[in-house]
Amino acid sequence: MVADFFNDIVSKAEFTSAFRAHDLKVAYVRRKYIWDRDKATRVTVAYDPASARDEFRTRMAALYVSSRTDYEPIEPSQSVTRTDAEKMVEDVATWLKEIDVFECITERVGSKAFTK
């Protein structure tokens, strides 16, 4: 999102919100590109923070202790299985590899690396 802000794809309001709204950052990972047909070089990014809420809850459960209604603690190891954690790590590794490949090929950063 920082690179997209630098490249005028993300507004200042979105950029500022990203520092407070973690679900926005989670949703941004799954963003879609919308091409402006009149200007082949113009692209906008669409994302839906509401669609990332379940993924965000899983992330939070993996990082923090929560509690049941009777205040009994729920540890991350009770909320997220090893398989879930491995899947999250694999997804991040895949995304980082794709980003690295596109940035090396296009010599651009952020979403523009995928649109050259």
C-alpha atoms as a PDB file:
ATOM      1  CA  MET A   1       0.000   0.000   0.000  1.00  0.00           C
ATOM      2  CA  VAL A   2       2.922   2.339   0.665  1.00  0.00           C
ATOM      3  CA  ALA A   3       4.225   1.818  -2.873  1.00  0.00           C
ATOM      4  CA  ASP A   4       0.732   2.375  -4.285  1.00  0.00           C
ATOM      5  CA  PHE A   5       0.395   5.599  -2.298  1.00  0.00           C
ATOM      6  CA  PHE A   6       3.754   6.726  -3.680  1.00  0.00           C
ATOM      7  CA  ASN A   7       2.522   5.880  -7.211  1.00  0.00           C
ATOM      8  CA  ASP A   8      -0.802   7.776  -6.739  1.00  0.00           C
ATOM      9  CA  ILE A   9      -2.946   4.631  -6.805  1.00  0.00           C
ATOM     10  CA  VAL A  10      -3.994   4.867  -3.146  1.00  0.00           C
ATOM     11  CA  SER A  11      -5.463   8.083  -1.768  1.00  0.00           C
ATOM     12  CA  LYS A  12      -4.073   9.824   1.289  1.00  0.00           C
ATOM     13  CA  ALA A  13      -7.264   8.904   3.205  1.00  0.00           C
ATOM     14  CA  GLU A  14      -6.811   5.191   2.381  1.00  0.00           C
ATOM     15  CA  PHE A  15      -3.134   5.345   3.262  1.00  0.00           C
ATOM     16  CA  THR A  16      -3.830   7.006   6.627  1.00  0.00           C
ATOM     17  CA  SER A  17      -6.652   4.544   7.400  1.00  0.00           C
ATOM     18  CA  ALA A  18      -4.360   1.594   6.744  1.00  0.00           C
ATOM     19  CA  PHE A  19      -2.340   2.429   9.854  1.00  0.00           C
ATOM     20  CA  ARG A  20      -5.446   1.989  12.044  1.00  0.00           C
ATOM     21  CA  ALA A  21      -7.566  -0.564  10.164  1.00  0.00           C
ATOM     22  CA  HIS A  22      -5.862  -3.932  10.002  1.00  0.00           C
ATOM     23  CA  ASP A  23      -8.748  -5.492   8.068  1.00  0.00           C
ATOM     24  CA  LEU A  24      -8.086  -2.933   5.321  1.00  0.00           C
ATOM     25  CA  LYS A  25      -4.496  -4.190   5.005  1.00  0.00           C
ATOM     26  CA  VAL A  26      -5.645  -7.815   4.951  1.00  0.00           C
ATOM     27  CA  ALA A  27      -8.198  -6.998   2.229  1.00  0.00           C
ATOM     28  CA  TYR A  28      -5.606  -5.054   0.233  1.00  0.00           C
ATOM     29  CA  VAL A  29      -3.536  -8.193  -0.231  1.00  0.00           C
ATOM     30  CA  ARG A  30      -6.426  -9.600  -2.300  1.00  0.00           C
ATOM     31  CA  ARG A  31      -6.980  -6.420  -4.309  1.00  0.00           C
ATOM     32  CA  LYS A  32      -8.179  -6.404  -7.919  1.00  0.00           C
ATOM     33  CA  TYR A  33      -7.003  -4.125 -10.669  1.00  0.00           C
ATOM     34  CA  ILE A  34      -9.459  -2.091 -12.730  1.00  0.00           C
ATOM     35  CA  TRP A  35      -8.186  -0.783 -16.051  1.00  0.00           C
ATOM     36  CA  ASP A  36      -9.227   2.589 -17.452  1.00  0.00           C
ATOM     37  CA  ARG A  37     -10.003   1.796 -21.102  1.00  0.00           C
ATOM     38  CA  ASP A  38      -9.387   5.375 -22.213  1.00  0.00           C
ATOM     39  CA  LYS A  39      -5.904   5.435 -20.729  1.00  0.00           C
ATOM     40  CA  ALA A  40      -4.084   2.114 -20.978  1.00  0.00           C
ATOM     41  CA  THR A  41      -1.601   3.171 -18.299  1.00  0.00           C
ATOM     42  CA  ARG A  42      -4.286   4.156 -15.746  1.00  0.00           C
ATOM     43  CA  VAL A  43      -5.214   1.516 -13.181  1.00  0.00           C
ATOM     44  CA  THR A  44      -7.249   1.697 -10.015  1.00  0.00           C
ATOM     45  CA  VAL A  45      -7.336  -0.829  -7.211  1.00  0.00           C
ATOM     46  CA  ALA A  46     -10.487  -2.322  -5.712  1.00  0.00           C
ATOM     47  CA  TYR A  47     -10.651  -4.167  -2.415  1.00  0.00           C
ATOM     48  CA  ASP A  48     -13.300  -5.005   0.159  1.00  0.00           C
ATOM     49  CA  PRO A  49     -12.324  -4.785   3.851  1.00  0.00           C
ATOM     50  CA  ALA A  50     -15.549  -6.571   4.852  1.00  0.00           C
ATOM     51  CA  SER A  51     -14.476  -9.637   2.875  1.00  0.00           C
ATOM     52  CA  ALA A  52     -11.293  -9.909   4.952  1.00  0.00           C
ATOM     53  CA  ARG A  53     -12.941 -10.033   8.383  1.00  0.00           C
ATOM     54  CA  ASP A  54     -12.816 -13.842   8.736  1.00  0.00           C
ATOM     55  CA  GLU A  55      -9.188 -13.911   7.670  1.00  0.00           C
ATOM     56  CA  PHE A  56      -8.433 -11.074  10.087  1.00  0.00           C
ATOM     57  CA  ARG A  57     -10.163 -12.936  12.958  1.00  0.00           C
ATOM     58  CA  THR A  58      -8.031 -15.993  12.206  1.00  0.00           C
ATOM     59  CA  ARG A  59      -4.910 -13.823  12.244  1.00  0.00           C
ATOM     60  CA  MET A  60      -5.875 -12.307  15.592  1.00  0.00           C
ATOM     61  CA  ALA A  61      -6.657 -15.738  17.061  1.00  0.00           C
ATOM     62  CA  ALA A  62      -3.205 -16.898  15.973  1.00  0.00           C
ATOM     63  CA  LEU A  63      -1.496 -13.983  17.719  1.00  0.00           C
ATOM     64  CA  TYR A  64      -3.485 -13.221  20.861  1.00  0.00           C
ATOM     65  CA  VAL A  65      -5.148 -15.004  23.753  1.00  0.00           C
ATOM     66  CA  SER A  66      -8.921 -14.525  23.772  1.00  0.00           C
ATOM     67  CA  SER A  67     -11.572 -15.753  26.197  1.00  0.00           C
ATOM     68  CA  ARG A  68     -14.811 -17.686  26.278  1.00  0.00           C
ATOM     69  CA  THR A  69     -17.998 -16.189  27.724  1.00  0.00           C
ATOM     70  CA  ASP A  70     -16.998 -17.571  31.144  1.00  0.00           C
ATOM     71  CA  TYR A  71     -13.617 -15.788  30.786  1.00  0.00           C
ATOM     72  CA  GLU A  72     -11.708 -19.032  30.406  1.00  0.00           C
ATOM     73  CA  PRO A  73      -8.687 -18.240  28.202  1.00  0.00           C
ATOM     74  CA  ILE A  74      -8.404 -19.524  24.655  1.00  0.00           C
ATOM     75  CA  GLU A  75      -4.771 -19.774  23.631  1.00  0.00           C
ATOM     76  CA  PRO A  76      -3.730 -19.340  20.005  1.00  0.00           C
ATOM     77  CA  SER A  77      -2.771 -23.013  19.846  1.00  0.00           C
ATOM     78  CA  GLN A  78      -6.407 -23.862  20.644  1.00  0.00           C
ATOM     79  CA  SER A  79      -7.812 -21.498  17.991  1.00  0.00           C
ATOM     80  CA  VAL A  80      -5.576 -22.154  15.016  1.00  0.00           C
ATOM     81  CA  THR A  81      -4.469 -25.581  13.933  1.00  0.00           C
ATOM     82  CA  ARG A  82      -0.996 -26.369  12.723  1.00  0.00           C
ATOM     83  CA  THR A  83      -2.472 -26.935   9.242  1.00  0.00           C
ATOM     84  CA  ASP A  84      -4.117 -23.486   9.306  1.00  0.00           C
ATOM     85  CA  ALA A  85      -0.852 -21.851  10.366  1.00  0.00           C
ATOM     86  CA  GLU A  86       1.137 -23.684   7.696  1.00  0.00           C
ATOM     87  CA  LYS A  87      -1.406 -22.602   5.060  1.00  0.00           C
ATOM     88  CA  MET A  88      -1.090 -18.960   6.147  1.00  0.00           C
ATOM     89  CA  VAL A  89       2.706 -19.125   5.944  1.00  0.00           C
ATOM     90  CA  GLU A  90       2.536 -20.782   2.498  1.00  0.00           C
ATOM     91  CA  ASP A  91       0.124 -18.100   1.239  1.00  0.00           C
ATOM     92  CA  VAL A  92       2.399 -15.289   2.410  1.00  0.00           C
ATOM     93  CA  ALA A  93       5.460 -16.973   0.879  1.00  0.00           C
ATOM     94  CA  THR A  94       3.596 -17.309  -2.445  1.00  0.00           C
ATOM     95  CA  TRP A  95       2.505 -13.653  -2.410  1.00  0.00           C
ATOM     96  CA  LEU A  96       6.019 -12.442  -1.596  1.00  0.00           C
ATOM     97  CA  LYS A  97       7.519 -14.558  -4.365  1.00  0.00           C
ATOM     98  CA  GLU A  98       5.001 -13.243  -6.915  1.00  0.00           C
ATOM     99  CA  ILE A  99       5.662  -9.662  -5.846  1.00  0.00           C
ATOM    100  CA  ASP A 100       9.427 -10.166  -6.091  1.00  0.00           C
ATOM    101  CA  VAL A 101       9.197 -11.729  -9.558  1.00  0.00           C
ATOM    102  CA  PHE A 102       6.963  -8.970 -10.944  1.00  0.00           C
ATOM    103  CA  GLU A 103       9.034  -6.186  -9.383  1.00  0.00           C
ATOM    104  CA  CYS A 104      12.223  -7.642 -10.866  1.00  0.00           C
ATOM    105  CA  ILE A 105      10.679  -8.084 -14.321  1.00  0.00           C
ATOM    106  CA  THR A 106       8.990  -4.673 -14.533  1.00  0.00           C
ATOM    107  CA  GLU A 107      11.415  -2.667 -12.383  1.00  0.00           C
ATOM    108  CA  ARG A 108       8.407  -1.128 -10.606  1.00  0.00           C
ATOM    109  CA  VAL A 109       7.004  -1.411  -7.068  1.00  0.00           C
ATOM    110  CA  GLY A 110       3.520  -1.961  -5.696  1.00  0.00           C
ATOM    111  CA  SER A 111       0.529  -2.608  -7.932  1.00  0.00           C
ATOM    112  CA  LYS A 112       2.279  -0.943 -10.875  1.00  0.00           C
ATOM    113  CA  ALA A 113       4.672  -3.898 -10.957  1.00  0.00           C
ATOM    114  CA  PHE A 114       1.696  -6.023 -12.053  1.00  0.00           C
ATOM    115  CA  THR A 115       0.457  -3.559 -14.671  1.00  0.00           C
ATOM    116  CA  LYS A 116       3.423  -2.739 -16.887  1.00  0.00           C
END
